[in-house]
Structures are given as structure tokens and as C-alpha cells.
């Protein structure tokens, strides 16, 4: 019997809207057999998710999604099967969270200068005391009527040359992959079609990623179209990378992205889970 894997999801520990326990319960209800919690630059939700996974009979892969600056772009690298207690990983993530805190305050100040009051306080309230990210600002701006939806917010306020944009200063590719592999995990390029890279630039990224010790590419993602899945499958086969699959679920507010509701890996792509011996629970 085929098992349902969803190896990319977010909780209230970063920019998701379900607590880790609620996220795991939702995944189980959706028929997911194996899931990864991959919050942005933090592993804070893994203990709660682990306890919930045992309760619901679902296998939890401890993960993280690390922010990376590569060729002046922000990309994301997912780590799967990590040891969340690994010191160098946690030290690296702590530095990224320090920058996230500064960036959030700076975004609030820039939006204030553009005539939007209370953005910092509103984003903090929506974060529930966790990391404050651009998604929290976007939800605040939609709720206040500054945009009709999240996509419009990003287009009008939070991208380059817009009033709330603050450039990322993240980990290097080598650092991110090193933290993941040092913690016993496997590094995955997250949702590669989202970065708008040319074929040549994407292959350059893949080449550097492999040289650093990266093992896989997210072939199937909640943000990938069928054509993009086919392209990423071809890159995985041609470059010898394993294939991963994840919804990148953030919560029920985005009903077009659902836990477990993702396409199977295309034929010829070797799944990242092929040689997993058993449950990779957080410890």
C-alpha cells in the first residue's frame, strides 16, 4: 500500500496558523502517514508535534526550513531528519532569528513612514508571540483593508522597491547545508520553481548545492504547477538528486494548498524516503 508523505509544513512556531499539535491532527485527518514540520529558522514546535504524532499514529520527520541568501536572492533549504538538539544547527538558527527580529521592526518602521500605522504591533499580535515574518504583516494589511489578498500585499508592499521591503541577510548555502548535514539530516532545495531562476541559473544552484552536500530537490510542491513538477523531475533525474514532496501548508486560510493533497513523485524520480528505515521522530 502506498503511503502518503508530506514533507513540508508550517505551524505557529513560524508563520503557520495552526499550532504544532493541531497541524499534526489535521495531517492525520487528511490521510497523511508521514509528515515533516519544517518551520522557518526554528525547531521550537517539534516537541509538541512529536507528542501529537504519537497520539494520532502518524510518523513525524523532524525538520526545519532555513533561509539562504544565494546570488542576492533568498532561497529556502529544507532539512529533514535533523537532530534538533545539535548545537551548531541551533546556533545558526538563533542568528537567523535575530535578523528576523530586526527585519520585522524595520518593516514596521518603513510601513509607518508610508502612512500605515500599527503594522509592527499588528504583526506581533498575529504571530502569537512566535517569529514575526512577512506573512504576519501581509495578514495585518489584508485585515486593515490595504489589499484584497496576500498576493496583492506582497506585490504592493513587501517586494523590492516597495515601501515595506527589507532585503534578507540570511545564511550562505554552504552554512545551511552544513548545519543540516551536521545535525544528521538531509538537505532539500525547497519549492525551486518559485525563485524565477533561468534553467542555467537553477542548474548552477543545484551544482553548488550538491557540492555542499545537498541531496534532494522538492519536485512536488503545493506551489508547483504540473508543468513545473515535470521540469523539476527532469532536473532531479539528470543531476542525480533525490526527490521530495511537500504541500508547504500554512493553514486553512489558503484552501488551494492542503496537507497530503499533492501529486505523487513522477516516474524515475528516486524518493528521498526510499532508504528511511523507520519513524524519524524528534527526540
C-alpha atoms as a PDB file:
ATOM      1  CA  UNK A   1       0.000   0.000   0.000  1.00  0.00           C
ATOM      2  CA  UNK A   2       1.311   3.449  -0.923  1.00  0.00           C
ATOM      3  CA  UNK A   3       1.952   5.756   1.995  1.00  0.00           C
ATOM      4  CA  UNK A   4       1.162   9.468   1.902  1.00  0.00           C
ATOM      5  CA  UNK A   5       4.192  11.670   2.546  1.00  0.00           C
ATOM      6  CA  UNK A   6       4.001  15.421   3.142  1.00  0.00           C
ATOM      7  CA  UNK A   7       7.451  16.716   3.980  1.00  0.00           C
ATOM      8  CA  UNK A   8       6.949  20.491   4.133  1.00  0.00           C
ATOM      9  CA  UNK A   9       4.575  22.257   6.537  1.00  0.00           C
ATOM     10  CA  UNK A  10       4.440  25.175   8.954  1.00  0.00           C
ATOM     11  CA  UNK A  11       2.928  25.841  12.372  1.00  0.00           C
ATOM     12  CA  UNK A  12       2.504  28.818  14.678  1.00  0.00           C
ATOM     13  CA  UNK A  13       6.150  28.343  15.639  1.00  0.00           C
ATOM     14  CA  UNK A  14       6.840  30.359  12.470  1.00  0.00           C
ATOM     15  CA  UNK A  15       4.222  31.650  10.008  1.00  0.00           C
ATOM     16  CA  UNK A  16       1.589  28.912  10.032  1.00  0.00           C
ATOM     17  CA  UNK A  17      -1.809  29.433  11.667  1.00  0.00           C
ATOM     18  CA  UNK A  18      -2.250  26.029  13.367  1.00  0.00           C
ATOM     19  CA  UNK A  19      -0.362  25.024  16.493  1.00  0.00           C
ATOM     20  CA  UNK A  20       2.031  22.107  16.023  1.00  0.00           C
ATOM     21  CA  UNK A  21      -0.440  19.745  17.703  1.00  0.00           C
ATOM     22  CA  UNK A  22      -3.369  20.986  15.622  1.00  0.00           C
ATOM     23  CA  UNK A  23      -1.287  20.724  12.453  1.00  0.00           C
ATOM     24  CA  UNK A  24      -0.422  17.092  13.168  1.00  0.00           C
ATOM     25  CA  UNK A  25      -4.061  16.292  13.929  1.00  0.00           C
ATOM     26  CA  UNK A  26      -5.096  17.925  10.668  1.00  0.00           C
ATOM     27  CA  UNK A  27      -2.477  15.992   8.717  1.00  0.00           C
ATOM     28  CA  UNK A  28      -3.703  12.728  10.221  1.00  0.00           C
ATOM     29  CA  UNK A  29      -7.296  13.610   9.326  1.00  0.00           C
ATOM     30  CA  UNK A  30      -6.176  14.258   5.753  1.00  0.00           C
ATOM     31  CA  UNK A  31      -4.702  10.770   5.492  1.00  0.00           C
ATOM     32  CA  UNK A  32      -1.045  11.746   5.758  1.00  0.00           C
ATOM     33  CA  UNK A  33       1.089   8.851   7.004  1.00  0.00           C
ATOM     34  CA  UNK A  34       4.459  10.626   7.256  1.00  0.00           C
ATOM     35  CA  UNK A  35       4.830  14.369   7.721  1.00  0.00           C
ATOM     36  CA  UNK A  36       7.622  16.825   8.393  1.00  0.00           C
ATOM     37  CA  UNK A  37       7.260  20.000  10.402  1.00  0.00           C
ATOM     38  CA  UNK A  38       9.596  22.492   8.729  1.00  0.00           C
ATOM     39  CA  UNK A  39       9.126  25.874  10.353  1.00  0.00           C
ATOM     40  CA  UNK A  40      11.199  28.823   9.190  1.00  0.00           C
ATOM     41  CA  UNK A  41      14.528  29.056  11.009  1.00  0.00           C
ATOM     42  CA  UNK A  42      13.243  27.363  14.173  1.00  0.00           C
ATOM     43  CA  UNK A  43      12.614  23.923  15.613  1.00  0.00           C
ATOM     44  CA  UNK A  44      10.530  25.238  18.506  1.00  0.00           C
ATOM     45  CA  UNK A  45       7.401  23.319  17.506  1.00  0.00           C
ATOM     46  CA  UNK A  46       8.952  19.867  17.225  1.00  0.00           C
ATOM     47  CA  UNK A  47       8.407  18.650  20.792  1.00  0.00           C
ATOM     48  CA  UNK A  48       4.690  19.454  20.671  1.00  0.00           C
ATOM     49  CA  UNK A  49       4.400  17.947  17.203  1.00  0.00           C
ATOM     50  CA  UNK A  50       6.177  14.775  18.304  1.00  0.00           C
ATOM     51  CA  UNK A  51       3.743  14.224  21.178  1.00  0.00           C
ATOM     52  CA  UNK A  52       0.762  14.808  18.892  1.00  0.00           C
ATOM     53  CA  UNK A  53       2.172  12.461  16.251  1.00  0.00           C
ATOM     54  CA  UNK A  54       2.332   9.636  18.780  1.00  0.00           C
ATOM     55  CA  UNK A  55      -1.246  10.347  19.810  1.00  0.00           C
ATOM     56  CA  UNK A  56      -2.562  10.295  16.231  1.00  0.00           C
ATOM     57  CA  UNK A  57      -0.459   7.410  14.935  1.00  0.00           C
ATOM     58  CA  UNK A  58       1.372   9.494  12.341  1.00  0.00           C
ATOM     59  CA  UNK A  59       5.131   9.421  11.688  1.00  0.00           C
ATOM     60  CA  UNK A  60       6.892  12.729  12.255  1.00  0.00           C
ATOM     61  CA  UNK A  61      10.094  13.678  10.481  1.00  0.00           C
ATOM     62  CA  UNK A  62      11.808  16.476  12.447  1.00  0.00           C
ATOM     63  CA  UNK A  63      12.626  19.290  10.068  1.00  0.00           C
ATOM     64  CA  UNK A  64      13.362  22.956   9.525  1.00  0.00           C
ATOM     65  CA  UNK A  65      13.324  25.407   6.609  1.00  0.00           C
ATOM     66  CA  UNK A  66      16.427  27.578   6.539  1.00  0.00           C
ATOM     67  CA  UNK A  67      16.568  30.977   4.850  1.00  0.00           C
ATOM     68  CA  UNK A  68      19.539  31.376   2.499  1.00  0.00           C
ATOM     69  CA  UNK A  69      20.970  34.263   0.513  1.00  0.00           C
ATOM     70  CA  UNK A  70      22.306  32.993  -2.799  1.00  0.00           C
ATOM     71  CA  UNK A  71      23.394  35.305  -5.624  1.00  0.00           C
ATOM     72  CA  UNK A  72      21.482  38.154  -3.945  1.00  0.00           C
ATOM     73  CA  UNK A  73      18.284  36.098  -3.883  1.00  0.00           C
ATOM     74  CA  UNK A  74      16.506  34.499  -0.974  1.00  0.00           C
ATOM     75  CA  UNK A  75      16.021  30.768  -1.350  1.00  0.00           C
ATOM     76  CA  UNK A  76      14.948  28.165   1.181  1.00  0.00           C
ATOM     77  CA  UNK A  77      16.590  24.883   2.107  1.00  0.00           C
ATOM     78  CA  UNK A  78      14.577  22.282   3.994  1.00  0.00           C
ATOM     79  CA  UNK A  79      16.325  19.961   6.413  1.00  0.00           C
ATOM     80  CA  UNK A  80      14.713  16.561   7.012  1.00  0.00           C
ATOM     81  CA  UNK A  81      15.548  14.047   9.705  1.00  0.00           C
ATOM     82  CA  UNK A  82      17.588  16.510  11.743  1.00  0.00           C
ATOM     83  CA  UNK A  83      18.635  16.164  15.360  1.00  0.00           C
ATOM     84  CA  UNK A  84      17.029  19.304  16.837  1.00  0.00           C
ATOM     85  CA  UNK A  85      19.459  19.210  19.749  1.00  0.00           C
ATOM     86  CA  UNK A  86      22.517  19.707  17.520  1.00  0.00           C
ATOM     87  CA  UNK A  87      24.411  22.717  18.850  1.00  0.00           C
ATOM     88  CA  UNK A  88      25.816  24.236  15.641  1.00  0.00           C
ATOM     89  CA  UNK A  89      22.384  23.991  13.961  1.00  0.00           C
ATOM     90  CA  UNK A  90      20.695  25.788  16.842  1.00  0.00           C
ATOM     91  CA  UNK A  91      23.415  28.435  16.994  1.00  0.00           C
ATOM     92  CA  UNK A  92      22.985  29.142  13.292  1.00  0.00           C
ATOM     93  CA  UNK A  93      19.199  29.304  13.554  1.00  0.00           C
ATOM     94  CA  UNK A  94      19.462  31.666  16.521  1.00  0.00           C
ATOM     95  CA  UNK A  95      21.444  34.158  14.424  1.00  0.00           C
ATOM     96  CA  UNK A  96      18.818  33.991  11.679  1.00  0.00           C
ATOM     97  CA  UNK A  97      16.073  34.656  14.193  1.00  0.00           C
ATOM     98  CA  UNK A  98      17.986  37.686  15.490  1.00  0.00           C
ATOM     99  CA  UNK A  99      17.968  39.084  11.974  1.00  0.00           C
ATOM    100  CA  UNK A 100      14.275  38.217  11.609  1.00  0.00           C
ATOM    101  CA  UNK A 101      13.503  40.246  14.746  1.00  0.00           C
ATOM    102  CA  UNK A 102      15.415  43.258  13.430  1.00  0.00           C
ATOM    103  CA  UNK A 103      13.843  42.933   9.974  1.00  0.00           C
ATOM    104  CA  UNK A 104      10.326  42.820  11.381  1.00  0.00           C
ATOM    105  CA  UNK A 105      10.865  46.039  13.335  1.00  0.00           C
ATOM    106  CA  UNK A 106      12.372  47.668  10.256  1.00  0.00           C
ATOM    107  CA  UNK A 107       9.406  46.621   8.097  1.00  0.00           C
ATOM    108  CA  UNK A 108       7.080  48.140  10.681  1.00  0.00           C
ATOM    109  CA  UNK A 109       9.025  51.410  10.654  1.00  0.00           C
ATOM    110  CA  UNK A 110       9.041  51.585   6.860  1.00  0.00           C
ATOM    111  CA  UNK A 111       5.311  50.926   6.647  1.00  0.00           C
ATOM    112  CA  UNK A 112       4.792  53.582   9.328  1.00  0.00           C
ATOM    113  CA  UNK A 113       6.742  56.043   7.188  1.00  0.00           C
ATOM    114  CA  UNK A 114       4.465  55.126   4.281  1.00  0.00           C
ATOM    115  CA  UNK A 115       1.413  56.069   6.333  1.00  0.00           C
ATOM    116  CA  UNK A 116       0.384  52.657   7.671  1.00  0.00           C
ATOM    117  CA  UNK A 117       0.085  52.789  11.433  1.00  0.00           C
ATOM    118  CA  UNK A 118       0.371  49.857  13.819  1.00  0.00           C
ATOM    119  CA  UNK A 119       1.846  47.330  11.400  1.00  0.00           C
ATOM    120  CA  UNK A 120       4.554  46.121  13.800  1.00  0.00           C
ATOM    121  CA  UNK A 121       2.128  45.722  16.687  1.00  0.00           C
ATOM    122  CA  UNK A 122      -0.450  44.043  14.447  1.00  0.00           C
ATOM    123  CA  UNK A 123       2.070  41.584  13.020  1.00  0.00           C
ATOM    124  CA  UNK A 124       3.282  40.743  16.542  1.00  0.00           C
ATOM    125  CA  UNK A 125      -0.281  40.053  17.661  1.00  0.00           C
ATOM    126  CA  UNK A 126      -0.859  37.739  14.721  1.00  0.00           C
ATOM    127  CA  UNK A 127       2.378  35.870  15.425  1.00  0.00           C
ATOM    128  CA  UNK A 128       1.112  34.805  18.846  1.00  0.00           C
ATOM    129  CA  UNK A 129       4.458  35.536  20.391  1.00  0.00           C
ATOM    130  CA  UNK A 130       6.475  33.499  17.887  1.00  0.00           C
ATOM    131  CA  UNK A 131       8.625  34.608  14.991  1.00  0.00           C
ATOM    132  CA  UNK A 132       7.305  37.674  13.173  1.00  0.00           C
ATOM    133  CA  UNK A 133       7.536  37.245   9.415  1.00  0.00           C
ATOM    134  CA  UNK A 134       6.354  38.976   6.284  1.00  0.00           C
ATOM    135  CA  UNK A 135       3.292  36.734   6.237  1.00  0.00           C
ATOM    136  CA  UNK A 136       2.121  38.253   9.523  1.00  0.00           C
ATOM    137  CA  UNK A 137       2.469  41.752   8.069  1.00  0.00           C
ATOM    138  CA  UNK A 138       0.557  40.607   4.999  1.00  0.00           C
ATOM    139  CA  UNK A 139      -2.315  39.245   7.099  1.00  0.00           C
ATOM    140  CA  UNK A 140      -2.439  42.501   9.051  1.00  0.00           C
ATOM    141  CA  UNK A 141      -2.547  44.602   5.882  1.00  0.00           C
ATOM    142  CA  UNK A 142      -5.343  42.497   4.397  1.00  0.00           C
ATOM    143  CA  UNK A 143      -7.343  42.719   7.641  1.00  0.00           C
ATOM    144  CA  UNK A 144      -6.953  46.516   7.648  1.00  0.00           C
ATOM    145  CA  UNK A 145      -8.144  46.778   4.053  1.00  0.00           C
ATOM    146  CA  UNK A 146      -4.856  47.853   2.479  1.00  0.00           C
ATOM    147  CA  UNK A 147      -5.064  44.970  -0.005  1.00  0.00           C
ATOM    148  CA  UNK A 148      -7.617  42.388  -1.107  1.00  0.00           C
ATOM    149  CA  UNK A 149      -5.443  39.349  -0.534  1.00  0.00           C
ATOM    150  CA  UNK A 150      -1.989  38.189   0.489  1.00  0.00           C
ATOM    151  CA  UNK A 151      -0.601  38.162  -3.034  1.00  0.00           C
ATOM    152  CA  UNK A 152      -1.592  41.779  -3.541  1.00  0.00           C
ATOM    153  CA  UNK A 153       0.079  42.727  -0.271  1.00  0.00           C
ATOM    154  CA  UNK A 154       3.385  41.250  -1.322  1.00  0.00           C
ATOM    155  CA  UNK A 155       3.178  42.870  -4.753  1.00  0.00           C
ATOM    156  CA  UNK A 156       2.317  46.321  -3.423  1.00  0.00           C
ATOM    157  CA  UNK A 157       4.209  46.479  -0.135  1.00  0.00           C
ATOM    158  CA  UNK A 158       6.771  43.757   0.584  1.00  0.00           C
ATOM    159  CA  UNK A 159       8.882  43.138  -2.522  1.00  0.00           C
ATOM    160  CA  UNK A 160      11.844  45.051  -3.888  1.00  0.00           C
ATOM    161  CA  UNK A 161      11.217  48.768  -4.481  1.00  0.00           C
ATOM    162  CA  UNK A 162       8.048  48.720  -2.365  1.00  0.00           C
ATOM    163  CA  UNK A 163       7.645  50.572   0.949  1.00  0.00           C
ATOM    164  CA  UNK A 164       7.865  47.568   3.270  1.00  0.00           C
ATOM    165  CA  UNK A 165      10.713  45.727   1.579  1.00  0.00           C
ATOM    166  CA  UNK A 166      13.813  44.883   3.612  1.00  0.00           C
ATOM    167  CA  UNK A 167      16.475  42.805   1.898  1.00  0.00           C
ATOM    168  CA  UNK A 168      17.320  39.481   3.517  1.00  0.00           C
ATOM    169  CA  UNK A 169      20.704  38.807   5.105  1.00  0.00           C
ATOM    170  CA  UNK A 170      20.499  35.075   5.575  1.00  0.00           C
ATOM    171  CA  UNK A 171      22.793  32.068   5.810  1.00  0.00           C
ATOM    172  CA  UNK A 172      25.026  31.065   2.938  1.00  0.00           C
ATOM    173  CA  UNK A 173      24.162  27.915   1.029  1.00  0.00           C
ATOM    174  CA  UNK A 174      27.228  26.207   2.484  1.00  0.00           C
ATOM    175  CA  UNK A 175      26.260  27.171   6.028  1.00  0.00           C
ATOM    176  CA  UNK A 176      22.655  25.985   5.715  1.00  0.00           C
ATOM    177  CA  UNK A 177      23.528  22.628   4.177  1.00  0.00           C
ATOM    178  CA  UNK A 178      26.351  22.189   6.675  1.00  0.00           C
ATOM    179  CA  UNK A 179      24.063  22.795   9.645  1.00  0.00           C
ATOM    180  CA  UNK A 180      21.550  20.278   8.295  1.00  0.00           C
ATOM    181  CA  UNK A 181      24.031  17.529   7.462  1.00  0.00           C
ATOM    182  CA  UNK A 182      25.928  18.155  10.693  1.00  0.00           C
ATOM    183  CA  UNK A 183      22.665  17.511  12.519  1.00  0.00           C
ATOM    184  CA  UNK A 184      22.294  14.175  10.736  1.00  0.00           C
ATOM    185  CA  UNK A 185      19.695  15.428   8.263  1.00  0.00           C
ATOM    186  CA  UNK A 186      19.185  15.581   4.517  1.00  0.00           C
ATOM    187  CA  UNK A 187      19.134  18.955   2.745  1.00  0.00           C
ATOM    188  CA  UNK A 188      16.432  19.713   0.162  1.00  0.00           C
ATOM    189  CA  UNK A 189      16.019  22.718  -2.148  1.00  0.00           C
ATOM    190  CA  UNK A 190      12.509  23.924  -1.291  1.00  0.00           C
ATOM    191  CA  UNK A 191       9.930  24.813  -3.994  1.00  0.00           C
ATOM    192  CA  UNK A 192      12.600  25.572  -6.636  1.00  0.00           C
ATOM    193  CA  UNK A 193      10.135  26.832  -9.259  1.00  0.00           C
ATOM    194  CA  UNK A 194       9.188  29.773  -7.041  1.00  0.00           C
ATOM    195  CA  UNK A 195      12.503  31.555  -7.432  1.00  0.00           C
ATOM    196  CA  UNK A 196      12.089  32.555 -11.071  1.00  0.00           C
ATOM    197  CA  UNK A 197      15.524  31.222 -11.999  1.00  0.00           C
ATOM    198  CA  UNK A 198      16.525  30.556 -15.567  1.00  0.00           C
ATOM    199  CA  UNK A 199      17.436  26.982 -16.421  1.00  0.00           C
ATOM    200  CA  UNK A 200      21.123  27.886 -16.373  1.00  0.00           C
ATOM    201  CA  UNK A 201      20.881  29.642 -13.016  1.00  0.00           C
ATOM    202  CA  UNK A 202      18.865  26.802 -11.486  1.00  0.00           C
ATOM    203  CA  UNK A 203      21.431  24.248 -12.635  1.00  0.00           C
ATOM    204  CA  UNK A 204      24.152  26.430 -11.115  1.00  0.00           C
ATOM    205  CA  UNK A 205      22.255  26.423  -7.822  1.00  0.00           C
ATOM    206  CA  UNK A 206      21.824  22.653  -7.978  1.00  0.00           C
ATOM    207  CA  UNK A 207      25.512  22.166  -8.725  1.00  0.00           C
ATOM    208  CA  UNK A 208      26.639  24.303  -5.790  1.00  0.00           C
ATOM    209  CA  UNK A 209      24.036  22.662  -3.553  1.00  0.00           C
ATOM    210  CA  UNK A 210      25.357  19.187  -4.377  1.00  0.00           C
ATOM    211  CA  UNK A 211      28.956  20.301  -3.781  1.00  0.00           C
ATOM    212  CA  UNK A 212      27.904  21.443  -0.294  1.00  0.00           C
ATOM    213  CA  UNK A 213      26.362  18.047   0.458  1.00  0.00           C
ATOM    214  CA  UNK A 214      22.743  18.673  -0.557  1.00  0.00           C
ATOM    215  CA  UNK A 215      20.825  15.545  -1.508  1.00  0.00           C
ATOM    216  CA  UNK A 216      17.358  16.391  -2.801  1.00  0.00           C
ATOM    217  CA  UNK A 217      15.059  18.801  -4.581  1.00  0.00           C
ATOM    218  CA  UNK A 218      11.395  19.423  -3.835  1.00  0.00           C
ATOM    219  CA  UNK A 219       9.932  18.099  -7.065  1.00  0.00           C
ATOM    220  CA  UNK A 220       6.325  18.217  -5.863  1.00  0.00           C
ATOM    221  CA  UNK A 221       5.229  21.339  -4.005  1.00  0.00           C
ATOM    222  CA  UNK A 222       1.915  22.956  -3.243  1.00  0.00           C
ATOM    223  CA  UNK A 223       3.071  25.941  -5.290  1.00  0.00           C
ATOM    224  CA  UNK A 224       4.257  23.943  -8.327  1.00  0.00           C
ATOM    225  CA  UNK A 225       2.120  23.590 -11.434  1.00  0.00           C
ATOM    226  CA  UNK A 226       2.023  20.207 -13.230  1.00  0.00           C
ATOM    227  CA  UNK A 227       4.452  21.561 -15.826  1.00  0.00           C
ATOM    228  CA  UNK A 228       6.828  22.738 -13.091  1.00  0.00           C
ATOM    229  CA  UNK A 229       6.659  19.315 -11.434  1.00  0.00           C
ATOM    230  CA  UNK A 230       7.702  17.748 -14.749  1.00  0.00           C
ATOM    231  CA  UNK A 231      10.608  20.177 -15.133  1.00  0.00           C
ATOM    232  CA  UNK A 232      11.854  19.590 -11.591  1.00  0.00           C
ATOM    233  CA  UNK A 233      11.524  15.845 -12.026  1.00  0.00           C
ATOM    234  CA  UNK A 234      13.747  16.041 -15.087  1.00  0.00           C
ATOM    235  CA  UNK A 235      16.327  18.065 -13.167  1.00  0.00           C
ATOM    236  CA  UNK A 236      16.279  15.520 -10.334  1.00  0.00           C
ATOM    237  CA  UNK A 237      16.828  12.638 -12.729  1.00  0.00           C
ATOM    238  CA  UNK A 238      19.508  14.453 -14.737  1.00  0.00           C
ATOM    239  CA  UNK A 239      21.511  15.668 -11.741  1.00  0.00           C
ATOM    240  CA  UNK A 240      21.165  12.627  -9.501  1.00  0.00           C
ATOM    241  CA  UNK A 241      19.212  14.393  -6.779  1.00  0.00           C
ATOM    242  CA  UNK A 242      16.572  12.611  -4.747  1.00  0.00           C
ATOM    243  CA  UNK A 243      13.013  13.894  -4.978  1.00  0.00           C
ATOM    244  CA  UNK A 244      10.956  15.261  -2.115  1.00  0.00           C
ATOM    245  CA  UNK A 245       7.284  16.194  -1.899  1.00  0.00           C
ATOM    246  CA  UNK A 246       5.536  18.651   0.389  1.00  0.00           C
ATOM    247  CA  UNK A 247       2.467  20.841   0.387  1.00  0.00           C
ATOM    248  CA  UNK A 248       4.121  23.842   2.122  1.00  0.00           C
ATOM    249  CA  UNK A 249       0.896  24.025   4.117  1.00  0.00           C
ATOM    250  CA  UNK A 250       0.470  27.108   6.312  1.00  0.00           C
ATOM    251  CA  UNK A 251      -3.142  26.766   7.417  1.00  0.00           C
ATOM    252  CA  UNK A 252      -6.775  26.634   6.279  1.00  0.00           C
ATOM    253  CA  UNK A 253      -6.733  30.252   5.094  1.00  0.00           C
ATOM    254  CA  UNK A 254      -5.209  29.011   1.821  1.00  0.00           C
ATOM    255  CA  UNK A 255      -7.640  26.248   0.792  1.00  0.00           C
ATOM    256  CA  UNK A 256      -5.895  25.676  -2.549  1.00  0.00           C
ATOM    257  CA  UNK A 257      -2.948  24.194  -0.594  1.00  0.00           C
ATOM    258  CA  UNK A 258      -3.847  21.234   1.617  1.00  0.00           C
ATOM    259  CA  UNK A 259      -1.881  18.736   3.660  1.00  0.00           C
ATOM    260  CA  UNK A 260      -1.472  15.493   1.730  1.00  0.00           C
ATOM    261  CA  UNK A 261      -3.235  16.792  -1.364  1.00  0.00           C
ATOM    262  CA  UNK A 262      -0.195  16.701  -3.608  1.00  0.00           C
ATOM    263  CA  UNK A 263       0.725  14.746  -6.703  1.00  0.00           C
ATOM    264  CA  UNK A 264       2.891  11.629  -6.479  1.00  0.00           C
ATOM    265  CA  UNK A 265       6.522  11.869  -7.467  1.00  0.00           C
ATOM    266  CA  UNK A 266       6.884  11.350 -11.237  1.00  0.00           C
ATOM    267  CA  UNK A 267       8.244   8.107 -12.571  1.00  0.00           C
ATOM    268  CA  UNK A 268      12.001   7.757 -12.438  1.00  0.00           C
ATOM    269  CA  UNK A 269      12.481  10.149  -9.508  1.00  0.00           C
ATOM    270  CA  UNK A 270      14.066   8.412  -6.507  1.00  0.00           C
ATOM    271  CA  UNK A 271      12.131   9.391  -3.346  1.00  0.00           C
ATOM    272  CA  UNK A 272      14.113  10.875  -0.506  1.00  0.00           C
ATOM    273  CA  UNK A 273      12.365   8.397   1.810  1.00  0.00           C
ATOM    274  CA  UNK A 274      13.377   5.277  -0.138  1.00  0.00           C
ATOM    275  CA  UNK A 275      16.023   4.216   2.357  1.00  0.00           C
ATOM    276  CA  UNK A 276      14.455   5.572   5.533  1.00  0.00           C
ATOM    277  CA  UNK A 277      14.496   2.694   7.976  1.00  0.00           C
ATOM    278  CA  UNK A 278      11.522   3.754  10.076  1.00  0.00           C
ATOM    279  CA  UNK A 279       9.999   6.536  12.063  1.00  0.00           C
ATOM    280  CA  UNK A 280      12.258   9.621  12.210  1.00  0.00           C
ATOM    281  CA  UNK A 281      10.745  11.225  15.260  1.00  0.00           C
ATOM    282  CA  UNK A 282      12.121  14.240  17.039  1.00  0.00           C
ATOM    283  CA  UNK A 283      13.916  13.302  20.233  1.00  0.00           C
END
